[in-house]
């Protein structure tokens, strides 16, 4: 959190783009299900400590977007492979934390 506060000092915006993986060989079965929630907490805490950072852009998965049927894409096995469901659920939990603590709004679609 301290390094986020230092990096955020004097800034008006930040970008949240994190990955729990060091490279493509690492499998989703090694994922800590709390990774994205912990990353969101550290980011939001650090930005609050920095003060002045009023905008946050979160880079995430298309899995959270709604399909034509109104369901998240990650709920459609034809669109999103079920074998990476653990990853999408963990990522969605991090997005939910950003929304509950940081007033995140839905992305613009055009």
PDB file of N, CA and C in Angstrom:
ATOM      1  N   UNK A   1       0.829  -1.194   0.000  1.00  0.00           N
ATOM      2  CA  UNK A   1       0.000   0.000   0.000  1.00  0.00           C
ATOM      3  C   UNK A   1       0.870   1.254   0.000  1.00  0.00           C
ATOM      4  N   UNK A   2       1.981   1.220   0.722  1.00  0.00           N
ATOM      5  CA  UNK A   2       2.857   2.377   0.780  1.00  0.00           C
ATOM      6  C   UNK A   2       3.442   2.745  -0.567  1.00  0.00           C
ATOM      7  N   UNK A   3       3.809   1.739  -1.365  1.00  0.00           N
ATOM      8  CA  UNK A   3       4.370   2.036  -2.682  1.00  0.00           C
ATOM      9  C   UNK A   3       3.308   2.618  -3.607  1.00  0.00           C
ATOM     10  N   UNK A   4       2.056   2.188  -3.451  1.00  0.00           N
ATOM     11  CA  UNK A   4       0.956   2.759  -4.240  1.00  0.00           C
ATOM     12  C   UNK A   4       0.763   4.215  -3.842  1.00  0.00           C
ATOM     13  N   UNK A   5       0.783   4.489  -2.559  1.00  0.00           N
ATOM     14  CA  UNK A   5       0.614   5.870  -2.089  1.00  0.00           C
ATOM     15  C   UNK A   5       1.724   6.755  -2.635  1.00  0.00           C
ATOM     16  N   UNK A   6       2.953   6.254  -2.629  1.00  0.00           N
ATOM     17  CA  UNK A   6       4.079   7.021  -3.170  1.00  0.00           C
ATOM     18  C   UNK A   6       3.945   7.272  -4.659  1.00  0.00           C
ATOM     19  N   UNK A   7       3.549   6.253  -5.388  1.00  0.00           N
ATOM     20  CA  UNK A   7       3.389   6.395  -6.834  1.00  0.00           C
ATOM     21  C   UNK A   7       2.188   7.277  -7.175  1.00  0.00           C
ATOM     22  N   UNK A   8       1.176   7.280  -6.335  1.00  0.00           N
ATOM     23  CA  UNK A   8      -0.036   8.054  -6.609  1.00  0.00           C
ATOM     24  C   UNK A   8       0.031   9.500  -6.175  1.00  0.00           C
ATOM     25  N   UNK A   9       1.013   9.842  -5.364  1.00  0.00           N
ATOM     26  CA  UNK A   9       1.127  11.220  -4.870  1.00  0.00           C
ATOM     27  C   UNK A   9       1.240  12.198  -6.029  1.00  0.00           C
ATOM     28  N   UNK A  10       0.395  13.196  -6.026  1.00  0.00           N
ATOM     29  CA  UNK A  10       0.421  14.220  -7.052  1.00  0.00           C
ATOM     30  C   UNK A  10      -0.279  13.847  -8.349  1.00  0.00           C
ATOM     31  N   UNK A  11      -0.854  12.671  -8.406  1.00  0.00           N
ATOM     32  CA  UNK A  11      -1.553  12.215  -9.612  1.00  0.00           C
ATOM     33  C   UNK A  11      -3.049  12.424  -9.461  1.00  0.00           C
ATOM     34  N   UNK A  12      -3.737  12.552 -10.574  1.00  0.00           N
ATOM     35  CA  UNK A  12      -5.191  12.705 -10.544  1.00  0.00           C
ATOM     36  C   UNK A  12      -5.907  11.451 -11.021  1.00  0.00           C
ATOM     37  N   UNK A  13      -5.156  10.490 -11.591  1.00  0.00           N
ATOM     38  CA  UNK A  13      -5.761   9.267 -12.105  1.00  0.00           C
ATOM     39  C   UNK A  13      -4.780   8.109 -11.949  1.00  0.00           C
ATOM     40  N   UNK A  14      -5.345   6.897 -11.962  1.00  0.00           N
ATOM     41  CA  UNK A  14      -4.536   5.680 -11.878  1.00  0.00           C
ATOM     42  C   UNK A  14      -5.169   4.609 -12.753  1.00  0.00           C
ATOM     43  N   UNK A  15      -4.355   3.635 -13.148  1.00  0.00           N
ATOM     44  CA  UNK A  15      -4.829   2.495 -13.924  1.00  0.00           C
ATOM     45  C   UNK A  15      -4.597   1.234 -13.100  1.00  0.00           C
ATOM     46  N   UNK A  16      -5.625   0.412 -12.990  1.00  0.00           N
ATOM     47  CA  UNK A  16      -5.558  -0.856 -12.262  1.00  0.00           C
ATOM     48  C   UNK A  16      -5.531  -1.977 -13.300  1.00  0.00           C
ATOM     49  N   UNK A  17      -4.361  -2.609 -13.455  1.00  0.00           N
ATOM     50  CA  UNK A  17      -4.202  -3.722 -14.393  1.00  0.00           C
ATOM     51  C   UNK A  17      -3.230  -4.701 -13.743  1.00  0.00           C
ATOM     52  N   UNK A  18      -3.750  -5.765 -13.164  1.00  0.00           N
ATOM     53  CA  UNK A  18      -2.907  -6.706 -12.426  1.00  0.00           C
ATOM     54  C   UNK A  18      -3.076  -8.120 -12.959  1.00  0.00           C
ATOM     55  N   UNK A  19      -2.061  -8.915 -12.738  1.00  0.00           N
ATOM     56  CA  UNK A  19      -2.122 -10.336 -13.085  1.00  0.00           C
ATOM     57  C   UNK A  19      -1.446 -11.130 -11.981  1.00  0.00           C
ATOM     58  N   UNK A  20      -2.028 -12.238 -11.596  1.00  0.00           N
ATOM     59  CA  UNK A  20      -1.395 -13.084 -10.581  1.00  0.00           C
ATOM     60  C   UNK A  20      -0.316 -13.987 -11.154  1.00  0.00           C
ATOM     61  N   UNK A  21      -0.129 -13.962 -12.466  1.00  0.00           N
ATOM     62  CA  UNK A  21       0.763 -14.900 -13.127  1.00  0.00           C
ATOM     63  C   UNK A  21       2.033 -14.228 -13.622  1.00  0.00           C
ATOM     64  N   UNK A  22       3.139 -14.954 -13.510  1.00  0.00           N
ATOM     65  CA  UNK A  22       4.418 -14.449 -13.981  1.00  0.00           C
ATOM     66  C   UNK A  22       4.681 -14.763 -15.439  1.00  0.00           C
ATOM     67  N   UNK A  23       3.892 -15.645 -16.030  1.00  0.00           N
ATOM     68  CA  UNK A  23       4.093 -16.010 -17.423  1.00  0.00           C
ATOM     69  C   UNK A  23       3.054 -17.009 -17.871  1.00  0.00           C
ATOM     70  N   UNK A  24       3.051 -17.317 -19.169  1.00  0.00           N
ATOM     71  CA  UNK A  24       2.010 -18.183 -19.722  1.00  0.00           C
ATOM     72  C   UNK A  24       2.071 -19.630 -19.232  1.00  0.00           C
ATOM     73  N   UNK A  25       3.205 -20.087 -18.705  1.00  0.00           N
ATOM     74  CA  UNK A  25       3.324 -21.472 -18.265  1.00  0.00           C
ATOM     75  C   UNK A  25       2.604 -21.734 -16.943  1.00  0.00           C
ATOM     76  N   UNK A  26       2.340 -20.683 -16.201  1.00  0.00           N
ATOM     77  CA  UNK A  26       1.675 -20.840 -14.901  1.00  0.00           C
ATOM     78  C   UNK A  26       0.202 -21.151 -15.132  1.00  0.00           C
ATOM     79  N   UNK A  27      -0.318 -22.158 -14.470  1.00  0.00           N
ATOM     80  CA  UNK A  27      -1.711 -22.556 -14.669  1.00  0.00           C
ATOM     81  C   UNK A  27      -2.662 -21.897 -13.688  1.00  0.00           C
ATOM     82  N   UNK A  28      -3.937 -21.851 -14.065  1.00  0.00           N
ATOM     83  CA  UNK A  28      -4.940 -21.220 -13.207  1.00  0.00           C
ATOM     84  C   UNK A  28      -5.158 -21.987 -11.918  1.00  0.00           C
ATOM     85  N   UNK A  29      -4.721 -23.246 -11.867  1.00  0.00           N
ATOM     86  CA  UNK A  29      -4.900 -24.025 -10.646  1.00  0.00           C
ATOM     87  C   UNK A  29      -4.020 -23.521  -9.506  1.00  0.00           C
ATOM     88  N   UNK A  30      -3.024 -22.667  -9.803  1.00  0.00           N
ATOM     89  CA  UNK A  30      -2.160 -22.097  -8.767  1.00  0.00           C
ATOM     90  C   UNK A  30      -2.664 -20.748  -8.265  1.00  0.00           C
ATOM     91  N   UNK A  31      -3.766 -20.290  -8.804  1.00  0.00           N
ATOM     92  CA  UNK A  31      -4.295 -18.973  -8.473  1.00  0.00           C
ATOM     93  C   UNK A  31      -4.797 -18.899  -7.036  1.00  0.00           C
ATOM     94  N   UNK A  32      -4.370 -17.876  -6.322  1.00  0.00           N
ATOM     95  CA  UNK A  32      -4.936 -17.565  -5.007  1.00  0.00           C
ATOM     96  C   UNK A  32      -6.281 -16.901  -5.275  1.00  0.00           C
ATOM     97  N   UNK A  33      -7.394 -17.495  -4.830  1.00  0.00           N
ATOM     98  CA  UNK A  33      -8.709 -16.931  -5.144  1.00  0.00           C
ATOM     99  C   UNK A  33      -8.932 -15.525  -4.570  1.00  0.00           C
ATOM    100  N   UNK A  34      -8.101 -15.116  -3.629  1.00  0.00           N
ATOM    101  CA  UNK A  34      -8.216 -13.771  -3.043  1.00  0.00           C
ATOM    102  C   UNK A  34      -7.305 -12.743  -3.710  1.00  0.00           C
ATOM    103  N   UNK A  35      -6.538 -13.153  -4.705  1.00  0.00           N
ATOM    104  CA  UNK A  35      -5.548 -12.261  -5.312  1.00  0.00           C
ATOM    105  C   UNK A  35      -6.143 -10.932  -5.769  1.00  0.00           C
ATOM    106  N   UNK A  36      -7.203 -10.985  -6.563  1.00  0.00           N
ATOM    107  CA  UNK A  36      -7.759  -9.754  -7.143  1.00  0.00           C
ATOM    108  C   UNK A  36      -8.421  -8.867  -6.090  1.00  0.00           C
ATOM    109  N   UNK A  37      -9.028  -9.470  -5.075  1.00  0.00           N
ATOM    110  CA  UNK A  37      -9.622  -8.688  -3.981  1.00  0.00           C
ATOM    111  C   UNK A  37      -8.508  -7.998  -3.197  1.00  0.00           C
ATOM    112  N   UNK A  38      -7.442  -8.723  -2.888  1.00  0.00           N
ATOM    113  CA  UNK A  38      -6.317  -8.139  -2.158  1.00  0.00           C
ATOM    114  C   UNK A  38      -5.651  -7.029  -2.965  1.00  0.00           C
ATOM    115  N   UNK A  39      -5.526  -7.227  -4.268  1.00  0.00           N
ATOM    116  CA  UNK A  39      -4.934  -6.192  -5.127  1.00  0.00           C
ATOM    117  C   UNK A  39      -5.804  -4.943  -5.141  1.00  0.00           C
ATOM    118  N   UNK A  40      -7.121  -5.126  -5.202  1.00  0.00           N
ATOM    119  CA  UNK A  40      -8.039  -3.987  -5.186  1.00  0.00           C
ATOM    120  C   UNK A  40      -7.942  -3.235  -3.866  1.00  0.00           C
ATOM    121  N   UNK A  41      -7.894  -3.977  -2.761  1.00  0.00           N
ATOM    122  CA  UNK A  41      -7.780  -3.340  -1.442  1.00  0.00           C
ATOM    123  C   UNK A  41      -6.483  -2.541  -1.319  1.00  0.00           C
ATOM    124  N   UNK A  42      -5.372  -3.135  -1.771  1.00  0.00           N
ATOM    125  CA  UNK A  42      -4.084  -2.438  -1.697  1.00  0.00           C
ATOM    126  C   UNK A  42      -4.095  -1.177  -2.555  1.00  0.00           C
ATOM    127  N   UNK A  43      -4.660  -1.286  -3.748  1.00  0.00           N
ATOM    128  CA  UNK A  43      -4.724  -0.133  -4.639  1.00  0.00           C
ATOM    129  C   UNK A  43      -5.589   0.979  -4.045  1.00  0.00           C
ATOM    130  N   UNK A  44      -6.786   0.634  -3.628  1.00  0.00           N
ATOM    131  CA  UNK A  44      -7.695   1.653  -3.091  1.00  0.00           C
ATOM    132  C   UNK A  44      -7.151   2.271  -1.810  1.00  0.00           C
ATOM    133  N   UNK A  45      -6.544   1.460  -0.949  1.00  0.00           N
ATOM    134  CA  UNK A  45      -5.941   2.002   0.267  1.00  0.00           C
ATOM    135  C   UNK A  45      -4.784   2.934  -0.039  1.00  0.00           C
ATOM    136  N   UNK A  46      -3.936   2.525  -0.970  1.00  0.00           N
ATOM    137  CA  UNK A  46      -2.799   3.359  -1.350  1.00  0.00           C
ATOM    138  C   UNK A  46      -3.214   4.652  -2.017  1.00  0.00           C
ATOM    139  N   UNK A  47      -4.216   4.585  -2.874  1.00  0.00           N
ATOM    140  CA  UNK A  47      -4.694   5.805  -3.531  1.00  0.00           C
ATOM    141  C   UNK A  47      -5.346   6.749  -2.535  1.00  0.00           C
ATOM    142  N   UNK A  48      -6.067   6.193  -1.564  1.00  0.00           N
ATOM    143  CA  UNK A  48      -6.670   7.042  -0.526  1.00  0.00           C
ATOM    144  C   UNK A  48      -5.576   7.739   0.281  1.00  0.00           C
ATOM    145  N   UNK A  49      -4.511   7.011   0.595  1.00  0.00           N
ATOM    146  CA  UNK A  49      -3.401   7.599   1.345  1.00  0.00           C
ATOM    147  C   UNK A  49      -2.670   8.662   0.523  1.00  0.00           C
ATOM    148  N   UNK A  50      -2.614   8.479  -0.802  1.00  0.00           N
ATOM    149  CA  UNK A  50      -1.947   9.450  -1.674  1.00  0.00           C
ATOM    150  C   UNK A  50      -2.732  10.751  -1.738  1.00  0.00           C
ATOM    151  N   UNK A  51      -4.064  10.629  -1.691  1.00  0.00           N
ATOM    152  CA  UNK A  51      -4.916  11.815  -1.790  1.00  0.00           C
ATOM    153  C   UNK A  51      -4.881  12.392  -3.196  1.00  0.00           C
ATOM    154  N   UNK A  52      -5.975  12.958  -3.610  1.00  0.00           N
ATOM    155  CA  UNK A  52      -6.032  13.646  -4.886  1.00  0.00           C
ATOM    156  C   UNK A  52      -6.310  12.791  -6.108  1.00  0.00           C
ATOM    157  N   UNK A  53      -6.166  11.480  -5.993  1.00  0.00           N
ATOM    158  CA  UNK A  53      -6.415  10.598  -7.135  1.00  0.00           C
ATOM    159  C   UNK A  53      -7.919  10.363  -7.215  1.00  0.00           C
ATOM    160  N   UNK A  54      -8.539  10.976  -8.213  1.00  0.00           N
ATOM    161  CA  UNK A  54      -9.997  10.940  -8.293  1.00  0.00           C
ATOM    162  C   UNK A  54     -10.546  10.011  -9.367  1.00  0.00           C
ATOM    163  N   UNK A  55      -9.695   9.527 -10.244  1.00  0.00           N
ATOM    164  CA  UNK A  55     -10.158   8.651 -11.326  1.00  0.00           C
ATOM    165  C   UNK A  55      -9.346   7.360 -11.309  1.00  0.00           C
ATOM    166  N   UNK A  56     -10.054   6.263 -11.529  1.00  0.00           N
ATOM    167  CA  UNK A  56      -9.414   4.956 -11.603  1.00  0.00           C
ATOM    168  C   UNK A  56      -9.968   4.234 -12.819  1.00  0.00           C
ATOM    169  N   UNK A  57      -9.072   3.807 -13.685  1.00  0.00           N
ATOM    170  CA  UNK A  57      -9.451   3.005 -14.845  1.00  0.00           C
ATOM    171  C   UNK A  57      -9.046   1.574 -14.528  1.00  0.00           C
ATOM    172  N   UNK A  58     -10.000   0.658 -14.570  1.00  0.00           N
ATOM    173  CA  UNK A  58      -9.725  -0.746 -14.292  1.00  0.00           C
ATOM    174  C   UNK A  58      -9.727  -1.528 -15.599  1.00  0.00           C
ATOM    175  N   UNK A  59      -8.616  -2.192 -15.880  1.00  0.00           N
ATOM    176  CA  UNK A  59      -8.498  -3.035 -17.063  1.00  0.00           C
ATOM    177  C   UNK A  59      -8.838  -4.453 -16.615  1.00  0.00           C
ATOM    178  N   UNK A  60      -9.779  -5.080 -17.321  1.00  0.00           N
ATOM    179  CA  UNK A  60     -10.210  -6.389 -16.863  1.00  0.00           C
ATOM    180  C   UNK A  60     -10.545  -7.337 -17.984  1.00  0.00           C
ATOM    181  N   UNK A  61     -11.451  -8.238 -17.675  1.00  0.00           N
ATOM    182  CA  UNK A  61     -11.829  -9.312 -18.589  1.00  0.00           C
ATOM    183  C   UNK A  61     -13.120  -9.001 -19.327  1.00  0.00           C
ATOM    184  N   UNK A  62     -13.218  -9.483 -20.532  1.00  0.00           N
ATOM    185  CA  UNK A  62     -14.491  -9.402 -21.238  1.00  0.00           C
ATOM    186  C   UNK A  62     -15.502 -10.346 -20.601  1.00  0.00           C
ATOM    187  N   UNK A  63     -15.031 -11.244 -19.771  1.00  0.00           N
ATOM    188  CA  UNK A  63     -15.908 -12.228 -19.109  1.00  0.00           C
ATOM    189  C   UNK A  63     -16.987 -11.565 -18.266  1.00  0.00           C
ATOM    190  N   UNK A  64     -16.725 -10.364 -17.787  1.00  0.00           N
ATOM    191  CA  UNK A  64     -17.687  -9.648 -16.957  1.00  0.00           C
ATOM    192  C   UNK A  64     -18.712  -8.862 -17.762  1.00  0.00           C
ATOM    193  N   UNK A  65     -18.481  -8.725 -19.059  1.00  0.00           N
ATOM    194  CA  UNK A  65     -19.444  -8.018 -19.894  1.00  0.00           C
ATOM    195  C   UNK A  65     -20.695  -8.869 -20.069  1.00  0.00           C
ATOM    196  N   UNK A  66     -21.797  -8.219 -20.342  1.00  0.00           N
ATOM    197  CA  UNK A  66     -23.049  -8.940 -20.533  1.00  0.00           C
ATOM    198  C   UNK A  66     -23.210  -9.346 -21.992  1.00  0.00           C
ATOM    199  N   UNK A  67     -23.641 -10.593 -22.181  1.00  0.00           N
ATOM    200  CA  UNK A  67     -23.910 -11.095 -23.520  1.00  0.00           C
ATOM    201  C   UNK A  67     -25.271 -10.628 -23.999  1.00  0.00           C
ATOM    202  N   UNK A  68     -25.642 -11.036 -25.181  1.00  0.00           N
ATOM    203  CA  UNK A  68     -26.926 -10.627 -25.755  1.00  0.00           C
ATOM    204  C   UNK A  68     -28.108 -11.140 -24.932  1.00  0.00           C
ATOM    205  N   UNK A  69     -27.877 -12.207 -24.152  1.00  0.00           N
ATOM    206  CA  UNK A  69     -28.957 -12.742 -23.308  1.00  0.00           C
ATOM    207  C   UNK A  69     -29.021 -12.064 -21.939  1.00  0.00           C
ATOM    208  N   UNK A  70     -28.138 -11.078 -21.698  1.00  0.00           N
ATOM    209  CA  UNK A  70     -28.143 -10.350 -20.431  1.00  0.00           C
ATOM    210  C   UNK A  70     -27.309 -10.987 -19.331  1.00  0.00           C
ATOM    211  N   UNK A  71     -26.732 -12.163 -19.614  1.00  0.00           N
ATOM    212  CA  UNK A  71     -25.883 -12.834 -18.626  1.00  0.00           C
ATOM    213  C   UNK A  71     -24.425 -12.473 -18.874  1.00  0.00           C
ATOM    214  N   UNK A  72     -23.588 -12.528 -17.814  1.00  0.00           N
ATOM    215  CA  UNK A  72     -22.155 -12.312 -18.044  1.00  0.00           C
ATOM    216  C   UNK A  72     -21.605 -13.346 -19.021  1.00  0.00           C
ATOM    217  N   UNK A  73     -20.697 -12.928 -19.869  1.00  0.00           N
ATOM    218  CA  UNK A  73     -20.101 -13.814 -20.865  1.00  0.00           C
ATOM    219  C   UNK A  73     -19.509 -15.047 -20.185  1.00  0.00           C
ATOM    220  N   UNK A  74     -18.948 -14.886 -18.995  1.00  0.00           N
ATOM    221  CA  UNK A  74     -18.309 -16.019 -18.315  1.00  0.00           C
ATOM    222  C   UNK A  74     -19.296 -17.127 -17.954  1.00  0.00           C
ATOM    223  N   UNK A  75     -20.582 -16.837 -17.961  1.00  0.00           N
ATOM    224  CA  UNK A  75     -21.599 -17.844 -17.659  1.00  0.00           C
ATOM    225  C   UNK A  75     -22.024 -18.654 -18.877  1.00  0.00           C
ATOM    226  N   UNK A  76     -21.468 -18.321 -20.033  1.00  0.00           N
ATOM    227  CA  UNK A  76     -21.807 -19.027 -21.276  1.00  0.00           C
ATOM    228  C   UNK A  76     -20.625 -19.897 -21.692  1.00  0.00           C
ATOM    229  N   UNK A  77     -20.708 -21.229 -21.481  1.00  0.00           N
ATOM    230  CA  UNK A  77     -19.566 -22.086 -21.802  1.00  0.00           C
ATOM    231  C   UNK A  77     -19.188 -22.089 -23.284  1.00  0.00           C
ATOM    232  N   UNK A  78     -20.091 -21.676 -24.148  1.00  0.00           N
ATOM    233  CA  UNK A  78     -19.756 -21.579 -25.574  1.00  0.00           C
ATOM    234  C   UNK A  78     -18.833 -20.390 -25.843  1.00  0.00           C
ATOM    235  N   UNK A  79     -18.880 -19.394 -24.976  1.00  0.00           N
ATOM    236  CA  UNK A  79     -18.068 -18.183 -25.149  1.00  0.00           C
ATOM    237  C   UNK A  79     -16.826 -18.169 -24.255  1.00  0.00           C
ATOM    238  N   UNK A  80     -16.909 -18.826 -23.117  1.00  0.00           N
ATOM    239  CA  UNK A  80     -15.817 -18.762 -22.140  1.00  0.00           C
ATOM    240  C   UNK A  80     -15.578 -20.148 -21.564  1.00  0.00           C
ATOM    241  N   UNK A  81     -14.370 -20.675 -21.674  1.00  0.00           N
ATOM    242  CA  UNK A  81     -14.095 -22.046 -21.238  1.00  0.00           C
ATOM    243  C   UNK A  81     -14.315 -22.242 -19.733  1.00  0.00           C
ATOM    244  N   UNK A  82     -15.106 -23.228 -19.342  1.00  0.00           N
ATOM    245  CA  UNK A  82     -15.376 -23.471 -17.929  1.00  0.00           C
ATOM    246  C   UNK A  82     -14.121 -23.813 -17.122  1.00  0.00           C
ATOM    247  N   UNK A  83     -13.089 -24.350 -17.760  1.00  0.00           N
ATOM    248  CA  UNK A  83     -11.884 -24.730 -17.026  1.00  0.00           C
ATOM    249  C   UNK A  83     -11.117 -23.542 -16.451  1.00  0.00           C
ATOM    250  N   UNK A  84     -11.429 -22.331 -16.880  1.00  0.00           N
ATOM    251  CA  UNK A  84     -10.805 -21.157 -16.256  1.00  0.00           C
ATOM    252  C   UNK A  84     -11.818 -20.377 -15.418  1.00  0.00           C
ATOM    253  N   UNK A  85     -12.862 -21.075 -15.018  1.00  0.00           N
ATOM    254  CA  UNK A  85     -13.891 -20.449 -14.183  1.00  0.00           C
ATOM    255  C   UNK A  85     -13.364 -19.913 -12.868  1.00  0.00           C
ATOM    256  N   UNK A  86     -12.409 -20.616 -12.252  1.00  0.00           N
ATOM    257  CA  UNK A  86     -11.832 -20.148 -10.985  1.00  0.00           C
ATOM    258  C   UNK A  86     -11.196 -18.773 -11.175  1.00  0.00           C
ATOM    259  N   UNK A  87     -10.484 -18.608 -12.285  1.00  0.00           N
ATOM    260  CA  UNK A  87      -9.845 -17.328 -12.584  1.00  0.00           C
ATOM    261  C   UNK A  87     -10.892 -16.231 -12.785  1.00  0.00           C
ATOM    262  N   UNK A  88     -11.942 -16.516 -13.555  1.00  0.00           N
ATOM    263  CA  UNK A  88     -12.947 -15.486 -13.824  1.00  0.00           C
ATOM    264  C   UNK A  88     -13.712 -15.120 -12.558  1.00  0.00           C
ATOM    265  N   UNK A  89     -13.996 -16.103 -11.709  1.00  0.00           N
ATOM    266  CA  UNK A  89     -14.690 -15.795 -10.445  1.00  0.00           C
ATOM    267  C   UNK A  89     -13.814 -14.936  -9.537  1.00  0.00           C
ATOM    268  N   UNK A  90     -12.512 -15.251  -9.469  1.00  0.00           N
ATOM    269  CA  UNK A  90     -11.588 -14.464  -8.650  1.00  0.00           C
ATOM    270  C   UNK A  90     -11.483 -13.041  -9.188  1.00  0.00           C
ATOM    271  N   UNK A  91     -11.390 -12.919 -10.507  1.00  0.00           N
ATOM    272  CA  UNK A  91     -11.301 -11.587 -11.124  1.00  0.00           C
ATOM    273  C   UNK A  91     -12.583 -10.792 -10.869  1.00  0.00           C
ATOM    274  N   UNK A  92     -13.714 -11.456 -10.985  1.00  0.00           N
ATOM    275  CA  UNK A  92     -15.004 -10.801 -10.745  1.00  0.00           C
ATOM    276  C   UNK A  92     -15.125 -10.339  -9.300  1.00  0.00           C
ATOM    277  N   UNK A  93     -14.576 -11.108  -8.367  1.00  0.00           N
ATOM    278  CA  UNK A  93     -14.591 -10.700  -6.956  1.00  0.00           C
ATOM    279  C   UNK A  93     -13.769  -9.424  -6.756  1.00  0.00           C
ATOM    280  N   UNK A  94     -12.647  -9.303  -7.467  1.00  0.00           N
ATOM    281  CA  UNK A  94     -11.851  -8.074  -7.391  1.00  0.00           C
ATOM    282  C   UNK A  94     -12.593  -6.889  -7.965  1.00  0.00           C
ATOM    283  N   UNK A  95     -13.290  -7.096  -9.079  1.00  0.00           N
ATOM    284  CA  UNK A  95     -14.095  -6.028  -9.668  1.00  0.00           C
ATOM    285  C   UNK A  95     -15.212  -5.613  -8.719  1.00  0.00           C
ATOM    286  N   UNK A  96     -15.833  -6.591  -8.080  1.00  0.00           N
ATOM    287  CA  UNK A  96     -16.893  -6.282  -7.110  1.00  0.00           C
ATOM    288  C   UNK A  96     -16.340  -5.445  -5.959  1.00  0.00           C
ATOM    289  N   UNK A  97     -15.122  -5.762  -5.512  1.00  0.00           N
ATOM    290  CA  UNK A  97     -14.517  -4.973  -4.428  1.00  0.00           C
ATOM    291  C   UNK A  97     -14.278  -3.540  -4.882  1.00  0.00           C
ATOM    292  N   UNK A  98     -13.782  -3.358  -6.099  1.00  0.00           N
ATOM    293  CA  UNK A  98     -13.584  -1.999  -6.611  1.00  0.00           C
ATOM    294  C   UNK A  98     -14.914  -1.248  -6.657  1.00  0.00           C
ATOM    295  N   UNK A  99     -15.941  -1.939  -7.103  1.00  0.00           N
ATOM    296  CA  UNK A  99     -17.254  -1.293  -7.188  1.00  0.00           C
ATOM    297  C   UNK A  99     -17.795  -0.919  -5.823  1.00  0.00           C
ATOM    298  N   UNK A 100     -17.672  -1.803  -4.855  1.00  0.00           N
ATOM    299  CA  UNK A 100     -18.250  -1.525  -3.527  1.00  0.00           C
ATOM    300  C   UNK A 100     -17.471  -0.466  -2.772  1.00  0.00           C
ATOM    301  N   UNK A 101     -16.166  -0.387  -2.978  1.00  0.00           N
ATOM    302  CA  UNK A 101     -15.347   0.570  -2.229  1.00  0.00           C
ATOM    303  C   UNK A 101     -14.996   1.811  -3.017  1.00  0.00           C
ATOM    304  N   UNK A 102     -15.102   1.742  -4.355  1.00  0.00           N
ATOM    305  CA  UNK A 102     -14.568   2.849  -5.128  1.00  0.00           C
ATOM    306  C   UNK A 102     -15.502   3.473  -6.147  1.00  0.00           C
ATOM    307  N   UNK A 103     -16.784   3.158  -6.093  1.00  0.00           N
ATOM    308  CA  UNK A 103     -17.753   3.769  -7.004  1.00  0.00           C
ATOM    309  C   UNK A 103     -17.388   3.570  -8.463  1.00  0.00           C
ATOM    310  N   UNK A 104     -17.042   2.334  -8.846  1.00  0.00           N
ATOM    311  CA  UNK A 104     -16.712   2.012 -10.237  1.00  0.00           C
ATOM    312  C   UNK A 104     -18.004   1.966 -11.036  1.00  0.00           C
ATOM    313  N   UNK A 105     -17.999   2.571 -12.202  1.00  0.00           N
ATOM    314  CA  UNK A 105     -19.152   2.527 -13.076  1.00  0.00           C
ATOM    315  C   UNK A 105     -18.879   1.576 -14.228  1.00  0.00           C
ATOM    316  N   UNK A 106     -19.927   1.175 -14.899  1.00  0.00           N
ATOM    317  CA  UNK A 106     -19.802   0.247 -16.021  1.00  0.00           C
ATOM    318  C   UNK A 106     -19.040   0.907 -17.160  1.00  0.00           C
ATOM    319  N   UNK A 107     -18.331   0.097 -17.974  1.00  0.00           N
ATOM    320  CA  UNK A 107     -17.579   0.660 -19.097  1.00  0.00           C
ATOM    321  C   UNK A 107     -18.490   1.192 -20.173  1.00  0.00           C
ATOM    322  N   UNK A 108     -17.958   2.126 -20.915  1.00  0.00           N
ATOM    323  CA  UNK A 108     -18.675   2.665 -22.058  1.00  0.00           C
ATOM    324  C   UNK A 108     -18.581   1.679 -23.208  1.00  0.00           C
ATOM    325  N   UNK A 109     -19.646   1.505 -23.940  1.00  0.00           N
ATOM    326  CA  UNK A 109     -19.626   0.583 -25.069  1.00  0.00           C
ATOM    327  C   UNK A 109     -19.619   1.303 -26.410  1.00  0.00           C
ATOM    328  N   UNK A 110     -19.430   2.549 -26.402  1.00  0.00           N
ATOM    329  CA  UNK A 110     -19.357   3.184 -27.702  1.00  0.00           C
ATOM    330  C   UNK A 110     -19.680   4.584 -27.614  1.00  0.00           C
TER     331      UNK A 110
END
